[in-house]
Amino acid sequence: MSKTLYVGNLPWSTTEEELKNIFASHGTVYSARIISDRNTGRSKGFGFVEVDESEAEKMISALNNTEVKGRRIIVNEAKPREERPRERRNRG
């Protein structure tokens, strides 16, 4: 089984490959993704890492509040995504 971890306060220059490598040194990583602004393509400064469930707590303890490229990252278990009502846009 896998567990998804939230990673916040990432430097905007961090790539998905770099994010995956940071976590891989502490256990099995299935995927890593950085969330970007859909209009600009620029990183929003946070992402998600899918890891082996049995190693998730160890990774959180090892990496939460550690420094990546001069910024202290936040690592915790991701919360389930809430359904948001679709935004209605006036196209008139």
PDB file of N, CA and C in Angstrom:
ATOM      1  N   MET A   1       0.836  -1.190   0.000  1.00  0.00           N
ATOM      2  CA  MET A   1       0.000   0.000   0.000  1.00  0.00           C
ATOM      3  C   MET A   1       0.875   1.245   0.000  1.00  0.00           C
ATOM      4  N   SER A   2       0.291   2.313  -0.478  1.00  0.00           N
ATOM      5  CA  SER A   2       1.030   3.563  -0.507  1.00  0.00           C
ATOM      6  C   SER A   2       0.301   4.627   0.310  1.00  0.00           C
ATOM      7  N   LYS A   3       1.046   5.661   0.646  1.00  0.00           N
ATOM      8  CA  LYS A   3       0.502   6.796   1.384  1.00  0.00           C
ATOM      9  C   LYS A   3       1.035   8.055   0.697  1.00  0.00           C
ATOM     10  N   THR A   4       0.206   9.080   0.632  1.00  0.00           N
ATOM     11  CA  THR A   4       0.619  10.326   0.003  1.00  0.00           C
ATOM     12  C   THR A   4       0.999  11.337   1.076  1.00  0.00           C
ATOM     13  N   LEU A   5       2.171  11.944   0.887  1.00  0.00           N
ATOM     14  CA  LEU A   5       2.664  12.959   1.809  1.00  0.00           C
ATOM     15  C   LEU A   5       2.604  14.326   1.146  1.00  0.00           C
ATOM     16  N   TYR A   6       2.222  15.327   1.910  1.00  0.00           N
ATOM     17  CA  TYR A   6       2.230  16.715   1.470  1.00  0.00           C
ATOM     18  C   TYR A   6       3.607  17.293   1.781  1.00  0.00           C
ATOM     19  N   VAL A   7       4.167  18.047   0.848  1.00  0.00           N
ATOM     20  CA  VAL A   7       5.455  18.703   1.066  1.00  0.00           C
ATOM     21  C   VAL A   7       5.261  20.185   0.752  1.00  0.00           C
ATOM     22  N   GLY A   8       5.381  21.032   1.757  1.00  0.00           N
ATOM     23  CA  GLY A   8       5.163  22.460   1.580  1.00  0.00           C
ATOM     24  C   GLY A   8       6.420  23.272   1.753  1.00  0.00           C
ATOM     25  N   ASN A   9       6.332  24.531   1.341  1.00  0.00           N
ATOM     26  CA  ASN A   9       7.420  25.508   1.432  1.00  0.00           C
ATOM     27  C   ASN A   9       8.615  25.124   0.561  1.00  0.00           C
ATOM     28  N   LEU A  10       8.331  24.462  -0.554  1.00  0.00           N
ATOM     29  CA  LEU A  10       9.407  24.081  -1.482  1.00  0.00           C
ATOM     30  C   LEU A  10       9.918  25.303  -2.244  1.00  0.00           C
ATOM     31  N   PRO A  11      11.214  25.369  -2.490  1.00  0.00           N
ATOM     32  CA  PRO A  11      11.718  26.420  -3.379  1.00  0.00           C
ATOM     33  C   PRO A  11      11.088  26.244  -4.767  1.00  0.00           C
ATOM     34  N   TRP A  12      10.782  27.351  -5.421  1.00  0.00           N
ATOM     35  CA  TRP A  12      10.130  27.276  -6.727  1.00  0.00           C
ATOM     36  C   TRP A  12      10.970  26.551  -7.765  1.00  0.00           C
ATOM     37  N   SER A  13      12.272  26.508  -7.566  1.00  0.00           N
ATOM     38  CA  SER A  13      13.162  25.874  -8.546  1.00  0.00           C
ATOM     39  C   SER A  13      13.240  24.354  -8.394  1.00  0.00           C
ATOM     40  N   THR A  14      12.622  23.790  -7.366  1.00  0.00           N
ATOM     41  CA  THR A  14      12.686  22.350  -7.129  1.00  0.00           C
ATOM     42  C   THR A  14      11.949  21.596  -8.236  1.00  0.00           C
ATOM     43  N   THR A  15      12.605  20.553  -8.774  1.00  0.00           N
ATOM     44  CA  THR A  15      11.977  19.727  -9.803  1.00  0.00           C
ATOM     45  C   THR A  15      11.367  18.483  -9.166  1.00  0.00           C
ATOM     46  N   GLU A  16      10.490  17.820  -9.918  1.00  0.00           N
ATOM     47  CA  GLU A  16       9.890  16.590  -9.408  1.00  0.00           C
ATOM     48  C   GLU A  16      10.948  15.527  -9.161  1.00  0.00           C
ATOM     49  N   GLU A  17      11.957  15.463 -10.026  1.00  0.00           N
ATOM     50  CA  GLU A  17      13.040  14.490  -9.858  1.00  0.00           C
ATOM     51  C   GLU A  17      13.824  14.767  -8.566  1.00  0.00           C
ATOM     52  N   GLU A  18      14.096  16.033  -8.291  1.00  0.00           N
ATOM     53  CA  GLU A  18      14.796  16.391  -7.052  1.00  0.00           C
ATOM     54  C   GLU A  18      13.958  16.020  -5.831  1.00  0.00           C
ATOM     55  N   LEU A  19      12.669  16.302  -5.905  1.00  0.00           N
ATOM     56  CA  LEU A  19      11.776  15.972  -4.795  1.00  0.00           C
ATOM     57  C   LEU A  19      11.772  14.469  -4.546  1.00  0.00           C
ATOM     58  N   LYS A  20      11.675  13.702  -5.614  1.00  0.00           N
ATOM     59  CA  LYS A  20      11.690  12.244  -5.491  1.00  0.00           C
ATOM     60  C   LYS A  20      12.998  11.768  -4.855  1.00  0.00           C
ATOM     61  N   ASN A  21      14.123  12.335  -5.270  1.00  0.00           N
ATOM     62  CA  ASN A  21      15.427  11.931  -4.739  1.00  0.00           C
ATOM     63  C   ASN A  21      15.589  12.261  -3.259  1.00  0.00           C
ATOM     64  N   ILE A  22      15.031  13.385  -2.819  1.00  0.00           N
ATOM     65  CA  ILE A  22      15.102  13.758  -1.399  1.00  0.00           C
ATOM     66  C   ILE A  22      14.459  12.668  -0.542  1.00  0.00           C
ATOM     67  N   PHE A  23      13.303  12.178  -0.981  1.00  0.00           N
ATOM     68  CA  PHE A  23      12.579  11.164  -0.211  1.00  0.00           C
ATOM     69  C   PHE A  23      13.140   9.760  -0.422  1.00  0.00           C
ATOM     70  N   ALA A  24      13.679   9.481  -1.585  1.00  0.00           N
ATOM     71  CA  ALA A  24      14.181   8.138  -1.904  1.00  0.00           C
ATOM     72  C   ALA A  24      15.323   7.716  -0.986  1.00  0.00           C
ATOM     73  N   SER A  25      16.057   8.665  -0.454  1.00  0.00           N
ATOM     74  CA  SER A  25      17.145   8.301   0.457  1.00  0.00           C
ATOM     75  C   SER A  25      16.616   7.815   1.808  1.00  0.00           C
ATOM     76  N   HIS A  26      15.298   7.915   2.021  1.00  0.00           N
ATOM     77  CA  HIS A  26      14.685   7.482   3.279  1.00  0.00           C
ATOM     78  C   HIS A  26      13.699   6.335   3.102  1.00  0.00           C
ATOM     79  N   GLY A  27      13.510   5.857   1.862  1.00  0.00           N
ATOM     80  CA  GLY A  27      12.583   4.759   1.642  1.00  0.00           C
ATOM     81  C   GLY A  27      12.079   4.698   0.210  1.00  0.00           C
ATOM     82  N   THR A  28      11.050   3.898  -0.005  1.00  0.00           N
ATOM     83  CA  THR A  28      10.497   3.662  -1.333  1.00  0.00           C
ATOM     84  C   THR A  28       9.573   4.805  -1.741  1.00  0.00           C
ATOM     85  N   VAL A  29       9.838   5.379  -2.916  1.00  0.00           N
ATOM     86  CA  VAL A  29       9.018   6.459  -3.465  1.00  0.00           C
ATOM     87  C   VAL A  29       8.402   5.964  -4.764  1.00  0.00           C
ATOM     88  N   TYR A  30       7.070   6.053  -4.852  1.00  0.00           N
ATOM     89  CA  TYR A  30       6.372   5.629  -6.064  1.00  0.00           C
ATOM     90  C   TYR A  30       6.209   6.766  -7.061  1.00  0.00           C
ATOM     91  N   SER A  31       5.990   7.974  -6.549  1.00  0.00           N
ATOM     92  CA  SER A  31       5.851   9.119  -7.444  1.00  0.00           C
ATOM     93  C   SER A  31       6.039  10.411  -6.664  1.00  0.00           C
ATOM     94  N   ALA A  32       6.343  11.473  -7.404  1.00  0.00           N
ATOM     95  CA  ALA A  32       6.452  12.803  -6.811  1.00  0.00           C
ATOM     96  C   ALA A  32       5.909  13.795  -7.828  1.00  0.00           C
ATOM     97  N   ARG A  33       5.124  14.752  -7.349  1.00  0.00           N
ATOM     98  CA  ARG A  33       4.633  15.778  -8.262  1.00  0.00           C
ATOM     99  C   ARG A  33       4.622  17.130  -7.569  1.00  0.00           C
ATOM    100  N   ILE A  34       4.980  18.129  -8.337  1.00  0.00           N
ATOM    101  CA  ILE A  34       4.981  19.504  -7.855  1.00  0.00           C
ATOM    102  C   ILE A  34       3.779  20.193  -8.479  1.00  0.00           C
ATOM    103  N   ILE A  35       3.037  20.903  -7.672  1.00  0.00           N
ATOM    104  CA  ILE A  35       1.836  21.578  -8.154  1.00  0.00           C
ATOM    105  C   ILE A  35       2.234  22.934  -8.737  1.00  0.00           C
ATOM    106  N   SER A  36       1.733  23.196  -9.945  1.00  0.00           N
ATOM    107  CA  SER A  36       2.064  24.454 -10.601  1.00  0.00           C
ATOM    108  C   SER A  36       0.801  25.215 -10.978  1.00  0.00           C
ATOM    109  N   ASP A  37       0.948  26.503 -11.114  1.00  0.00           N
ATOM    110  CA  ASP A  37      -0.147  27.376 -11.507  1.00  0.00           C
ATOM    111  C   ASP A  37      -0.552  27.051 -12.935  1.00  0.00           C
ATOM    112  N   ARG A  38      -1.819  26.836 -13.177  1.00  0.00           N
ATOM    113  CA  ARG A  38      -2.257  26.424 -14.511  1.00  0.00           C
ATOM    114  C   ARG A  38      -2.111  27.532 -15.539  1.00  0.00           C
ATOM    115  N   ASN A  39      -2.086  28.791 -15.098  1.00  0.00           N
ATOM    116  CA  ASN A  39      -1.943  29.896 -16.050  1.00  0.00           C
ATOM    117  C   ASN A  39      -0.494  30.215 -16.392  1.00  0.00           C
ATOM    118  N   THR A  40       0.380  30.171 -15.396  1.00  0.00           N
ATOM    119  CA  THR A  40       1.776  30.567 -15.619  1.00  0.00           C
ATOM    120  C   THR A  40       2.724  29.380 -15.738  1.00  0.00           C
ATOM    121  N   GLY A  41       2.309  28.220 -15.213  1.00  0.00           N
ATOM    122  CA  GLY A  41       3.193  27.063 -15.205  1.00  0.00           C
ATOM    123  C   GLY A  41       4.229  27.107 -14.097  1.00  0.00           C
ATOM    124  N   ARG A  42       4.229  28.170 -13.311  1.00  0.00           N
ATOM    125  CA  ARG A  42       5.198  28.334 -12.221  1.00  0.00           C
ATOM    126  C   ARG A  42       4.789  27.504 -11.012  1.00  0.00           C
ATOM    127  N   SER A  43       5.778  26.940 -10.343  1.00  0.00           N
ATOM    128  CA  SER A  43       5.526  26.145  -9.145  1.00  0.00           C
ATOM    129  C   SER A  43       4.774  26.960  -8.107  1.00  0.00           C
ATOM    130  N   LYS A  44       3.846  26.303  -7.407  1.00  0.00           N
ATOM    131  CA  LYS A  44       3.139  26.949  -6.309  1.00  0.00           C
ATOM    132  C   LYS A  44       3.878  26.759  -4.986  1.00  0.00           C
ATOM    133  N   GLY A  45       5.001  26.040  -5.010  1.00  0.00           N
ATOM    134  CA  GLY A  45       5.806  25.884  -3.804  1.00  0.00           C
ATOM    135  C   GLY A  45       5.396  24.722  -2.923  1.00  0.00           C
ATOM    136  N   PHE A  46       4.585  23.806  -3.464  1.00  0.00           N
ATOM    137  CA  PHE A  46       4.247  22.613  -2.701  1.00  0.00           C
ATOM    138  C   PHE A  46       4.029  21.451  -3.653  1.00  0.00           C
ATOM    139  N   GLY A  47       4.047  20.253  -3.079  1.00  0.00           N
ATOM    140  CA  GLY A  47       3.861  19.066  -3.904  1.00  0.00           C
ATOM    141  C   GLY A  47       3.439  17.885  -3.068  1.00  0.00           C
ATOM    142  N   PHE A  48       3.391  16.731  -3.729  1.00  0.00           N
ATOM    143  CA  PHE A  48       2.969  15.500  -3.079  1.00  0.00           C
ATOM    144  C   PHE A  48       3.917  14.377  -3.471  1.00  0.00           C
ATOM    145  N   VAL A  49       4.200  13.514  -2.503  1.00  0.00           N
ATOM    146  CA  VAL A  49       5.069  12.369  -2.743  1.00  0.00           C
ATOM    147  C   VAL A  49       4.311  11.124  -2.297  1.00  0.00           C
ATOM    148  N   GLU A  50       4.217  10.145  -3.188  1.00  0.00           N
ATOM    149  CA  GLU A  50       3.559   8.884  -2.857  1.00  0.00           C
ATOM    150  C   GLU A  50       4.647   7.908  -2.435  1.00  0.00           C
ATOM    151  N   VAL A  51       4.533   7.387  -1.209  1.00  0.00           N
ATOM    152  CA  VAL A  51       5.564   6.539  -0.619  1.00  0.00           C
ATOM    153  C   VAL A  51       4.953   5.246  -0.092  1.00  0.00           C
ATOM    154  N   ASP A  52       5.820   4.299   0.249  1.00  0.00           N
ATOM    155  CA  ASP A  52       5.360   3.053   0.851  1.00  0.00           C
ATOM    156  C   ASP A  52       4.772   3.370   2.221  1.00  0.00           C
ATOM    157  N   GLU A  53       3.578   2.856   2.467  1.00  0.00           N
ATOM    158  CA  GLU A  53       2.854   3.167   3.705  1.00  0.00           C
ATOM    159  C   GLU A  53       3.666   2.831   4.959  1.00  0.00           C
ATOM    160  N   SER A  54       4.413   1.740   4.917  1.00  0.00           N
ATOM    161  CA  SER A  54       5.162   1.314   6.100  1.00  0.00           C
ATOM    162  C   SER A  54       6.345   2.242   6.407  1.00  0.00           C
ATOM    163  N   GLU A  55       6.728   3.088   5.454  1.00  0.00           N
ATOM    164  CA  GLU A  55       7.873   3.983   5.651  1.00  0.00           C
ATOM    165  C   GLU A  55       7.472   5.450   5.785  1.00  0.00           C
ATOM    166  N   ALA A  56       6.191   5.739   5.669  1.00  0.00           N
ATOM    167  CA  ALA A  56       5.717   7.129   5.648  1.00  0.00           C
ATOM    168  C   ALA A  56       6.068   7.884   6.929  1.00  0.00           C
ATOM    169  N   GLU A  57       5.775   7.316   8.085  1.00  0.00           N
ATOM    170  CA  GLU A  57       6.047   8.012   9.351  1.00  0.00           C
ATOM    171  C   GLU A  57       7.534   8.293   9.523  1.00  0.00           C
ATOM    172  N   LYS A  58       8.364   7.336   9.126  1.00  0.00           N
ATOM    173  CA  LYS A  58       9.817   7.517   9.212  1.00  0.00           C
ATOM    174  C   LYS A  58      10.258   8.692   8.334  1.00  0.00           C
ATOM    175  N   MET A  59       9.678   8.799   7.139  1.00  0.00           N
ATOM    176  CA  MET A  59      10.035   9.890   6.226  1.00  0.00           C
ATOM    177  C   MET A  59       9.579  11.241   6.766  1.00  0.00           C
ATOM    178  N   ILE A  60       8.369  11.273   7.337  1.00  0.00           N
ATOM    179  CA  ILE A  60       7.878  12.523   7.917  1.00  0.00           C
ATOM    180  C   ILE A  60       8.814  12.977   9.032  1.00  0.00           C
ATOM    181  N   SER A  61       9.170  12.066   9.919  1.00  0.00           N
ATOM    182  CA  SER A  61      10.062  12.404  11.039  1.00  0.00           C
ATOM    183  C   SER A  61      11.433  12.862  10.555  1.00  0.00           C
ATOM    184  N   ALA A  62      11.943  12.196   9.521  1.00  0.00           N
ATOM    185  CA  ALA A  62      13.283  12.503   9.030  1.00  0.00           C
ATOM    186  C   ALA A  62      13.338  13.807   8.236  1.00  0.00           C
ATOM    187  N   LEU A  63      12.270  14.151   7.530  1.00  0.00           N
ATOM    188  CA  LEU A  63      12.352  15.268   6.593  1.00  0.00           C
ATOM    189  C   LEU A  63      11.573  16.520   6.986  1.00  0.00           C
ATOM    190  N   ASN A  64      10.592  16.415   7.872  1.00  0.00           N
ATOM    191  CA  ASN A  64       9.849  17.603   8.263  1.00  0.00           C
ATOM    192  C   ASN A  64      10.781  18.618   8.913  1.00  0.00           C
ATOM    193  N   ASN A  65      10.669  19.867   8.499  1.00  0.00           N
ATOM    194  CA  ASN A  65      11.468  20.973   9.032  1.00  0.00           C
ATOM    195  C   ASN A  65      12.951  20.879   8.678  1.00  0.00           C
ATOM    196  N   THR A  66      13.274  20.169   7.595  1.00  0.00           N
ATOM    197  CA  THR A  66      14.658  20.146   7.120  1.00  0.00           C
ATOM    198  C   THR A  66      14.820  21.172   6.005  1.00  0.00           C
ATOM    199  N   GLU A  67      16.054  21.520   5.702  1.00  0.00           N
ATOM    200  CA  GLU A  67      16.329  22.560   4.727  1.00  0.00           C
ATOM    201  C   GLU A  67      16.561  21.990   3.335  1.00  0.00           C
ATOM    202  N   VAL A  68      15.890  22.578   2.351  1.00  0.00           N
ATOM    203  CA  VAL A  68      16.077  22.246   0.944  1.00  0.00           C
ATOM    204  C   VAL A  68      16.316  23.554   0.201  1.00  0.00           C
ATOM    205  N   LYS A  69      17.478  23.708  -0.362  1.00  0.00           N
ATOM    206  CA  LYS A  69      17.839  24.917  -1.120  1.00  0.00           C
ATOM    207  C   LYS A  69      17.550  26.191  -0.324  1.00  0.00           C
ATOM    208  N   GLY A  70      17.885  26.151   0.962  1.00  0.00           N
ATOM    209  CA  GLY A  70      17.743  27.337   1.800  1.00  0.00           C
ATOM    210  C   GLY A  70      16.365  27.565   2.402  1.00  0.00           C
ATOM    211  N   ARG A  71      15.432  26.640   2.191  1.00  0.00           N
ATOM    212  CA  ARG A  71      14.090  26.787   2.761  1.00  0.00           C
ATOM    213  C   ARG A  71      13.756  25.580   3.620  1.00  0.00           C
ATOM    214  N   ARG A  72      13.091  25.815   4.739  1.00  0.00           N
ATOM    215  CA  ARG A  72      12.654  24.725   5.613  1.00  0.00           C
ATOM    216  C   ARG A  72      11.345  24.165   5.082  1.00  0.00           C
ATOM    217  N   ILE A  73      11.374  22.878   4.712  1.00  0.00           N
ATOM    218  CA  ILE A  73      10.173  22.269   4.149  1.00  0.00           C
ATOM    219  C   ILE A  73       9.273  21.709   5.240  1.00  0.00           C
ATOM    220  N   ILE A  74       8.004  21.594   4.902  1.00  0.00           N
ATOM    221  CA  ILE A  74       6.995  21.021   5.786  1.00  0.00           C
ATOM    222  C   ILE A  74       6.568  19.695   5.170  1.00  0.00           C
ATOM    223  N   VAL A  75       6.606  18.630   5.959  1.00  0.00           N
ATOM    224  CA  VAL A  75       6.201  17.316   5.463  1.00  0.00           C
ATOM    225  C   VAL A  75       5.191  16.730   6.434  1.00  0.00           C
ATOM    226  N   ASN A  76       4.020  16.356   5.910  1.00  0.00           N
ATOM    227  CA  ASN A  76       3.035  15.661   6.726  1.00  0.00           C
ATOM    228  C   ASN A  76       2.137  14.826   5.825  1.00  0.00           C
ATOM    229  N   GLU A  77       1.285  14.043   6.439  1.00  0.00           N
ATOM    230  CA  GLU A  77       0.379  13.198   5.667  1.00  0.00           C
ATOM    231  C   GLU A  77      -0.628  14.079   4.937  1.00  0.00           C
ATOM    232  N   ALA A  78      -0.806  13.809   3.658  1.00  0.00           N
ATOM    233  CA  ALA A  78      -1.749  14.595   2.865  1.00  0.00           C
ATOM    234  C   ALA A  78      -3.171  14.307   3.306  1.00  0.00           C
ATOM    235  N   LYS A  79      -3.991  15.334   3.308  1.00  0.00           N
ATOM    236  CA  LYS A  79      -5.406  15.177   3.631  1.00  0.00           C
ATOM    237  C   LYS A  79      -6.158  14.857   2.342  1.00  0.00           C
ATOM    238  N   PRO A  80      -7.242  14.105   2.436  1.00  0.00           N
ATOM    239  CA  PRO A  80      -8.026  13.819   1.230  1.00  0.00           C
ATOM    240  C   PRO A  80      -8.517  15.117   0.596  1.00  0.00           C
ATOM    241  N   ARG A  81      -8.524  15.126  -0.708  1.00  0.00           N
ATOM    242  CA  ARG A  81      -8.943  16.315  -1.440  1.00  0.00           C
ATOM    243  C   ARG A  81     -10.443  16.542  -1.244  1.00  0.00           C
ATOM    244  N   GLU A  82     -10.798  17.762  -0.898  1.00  0.00           N
ATOM    245  CA  GLU A  82     -12.206  18.102  -0.715  1.00  0.00           C
ATOM    246  C   GLU A  82     -12.818  18.456  -2.059  1.00  0.00           C
ATOM    247  N   GLU A  83     -14.036  18.001  -2.254  1.00  0.00           N
ATOM    248  CA  GLU A  83     -14.753  18.372  -3.466  1.00  0.00           C
ATOM    249  C   GLU A  83     -15.195  19.819  -3.339  1.00  0.00           C
ATOM    250  N   ARG A  84     -14.856  20.613  -4.333  1.00  0.00           N
ATOM    251  CA  ARG A  84     -15.270  22.011  -4.346  1.00  0.00           C
ATOM    252  C   ARG A  84     -16.295  22.203  -5.453  1.00  0.00           C
ATOM    253  N   PRO A  85     -17.274  23.051  -5.209  1.00  0.00           N
ATOM    254  CA  PRO A  85     -18.243  23.304  -6.275  1.00  0.00           C
ATOM    255  C   PRO A  85     -17.547  23.971  -7.458  1.00  0.00           C
ATOM    256  N   ARG A  86     -17.969  23.592  -8.650  1.00  0.00           N
ATOM    257  CA  ARG A  86     -17.374  24.197  -9.841  1.00  0.00           C
ATOM    258  C   ARG A  86     -17.714  25.675  -9.884  1.00  0.00           C
ATOM    259  N   GLU A  87     -16.714  26.460 -10.225  1.00  0.00           N
ATOM    260  CA  GLU A  87     -16.895  27.894 -10.299  1.00  0.00           C
ATOM    261  C   GLU A  87     -17.614  28.254 -11.592  1.00  0.00           C
ATOM    262  N   ARG A  88     -18.663  29.037 -11.466  1.00  0.00           N
ATOM    263  CA  ARG A  88     -19.389  29.483 -12.667  1.00  0.00           C
ATOM    264  C   ARG A  88     -18.772  30.794 -13.130  1.00  0.00           C
ATOM    265  N   ARG A  89     -18.433  30.841 -14.365  1.00  0.00           N
ATOM    266  CA  ARG A  89     -17.823  32.051 -14.912  1.00  0.00           C
ATOM    267  C   ARG A  89     -18.776  32.699 -15.910  1.00  0.00           C
ATOM    268  N   ASN A  90     -18.886  33.991 -15.795  1.00  0.00           N
ATOM    269  CA  ASN A  90     -19.720  34.737 -16.713  1.00  0.00           C
ATOM    270  C   ASN A  90     -18.955  34.943 -18.014  1.00  0.00           C
ATOM    271  N   ARG A  91     -19.436  34.355 -19.060  1.00  0.00           N
ATOM    272  CA  ARG A  91     -18.741  34.454 -20.344  1.00  0.00           C
ATOM    273  C   ARG A  91     -19.417  35.441 -21.287  1.00  0.00           C
ATOM    274  N   GLY A  92     -20.245  36.290 -20.735  1.00  0.00           N
ATOM    275  CA  GLY A  92     -21.043  37.205 -21.519  1.00  0.00           C
ATOM    276  C   GLY A  92     -20.323  38.396 -21.909  1.00  0.00           C
TER     277      GLY A  92
END
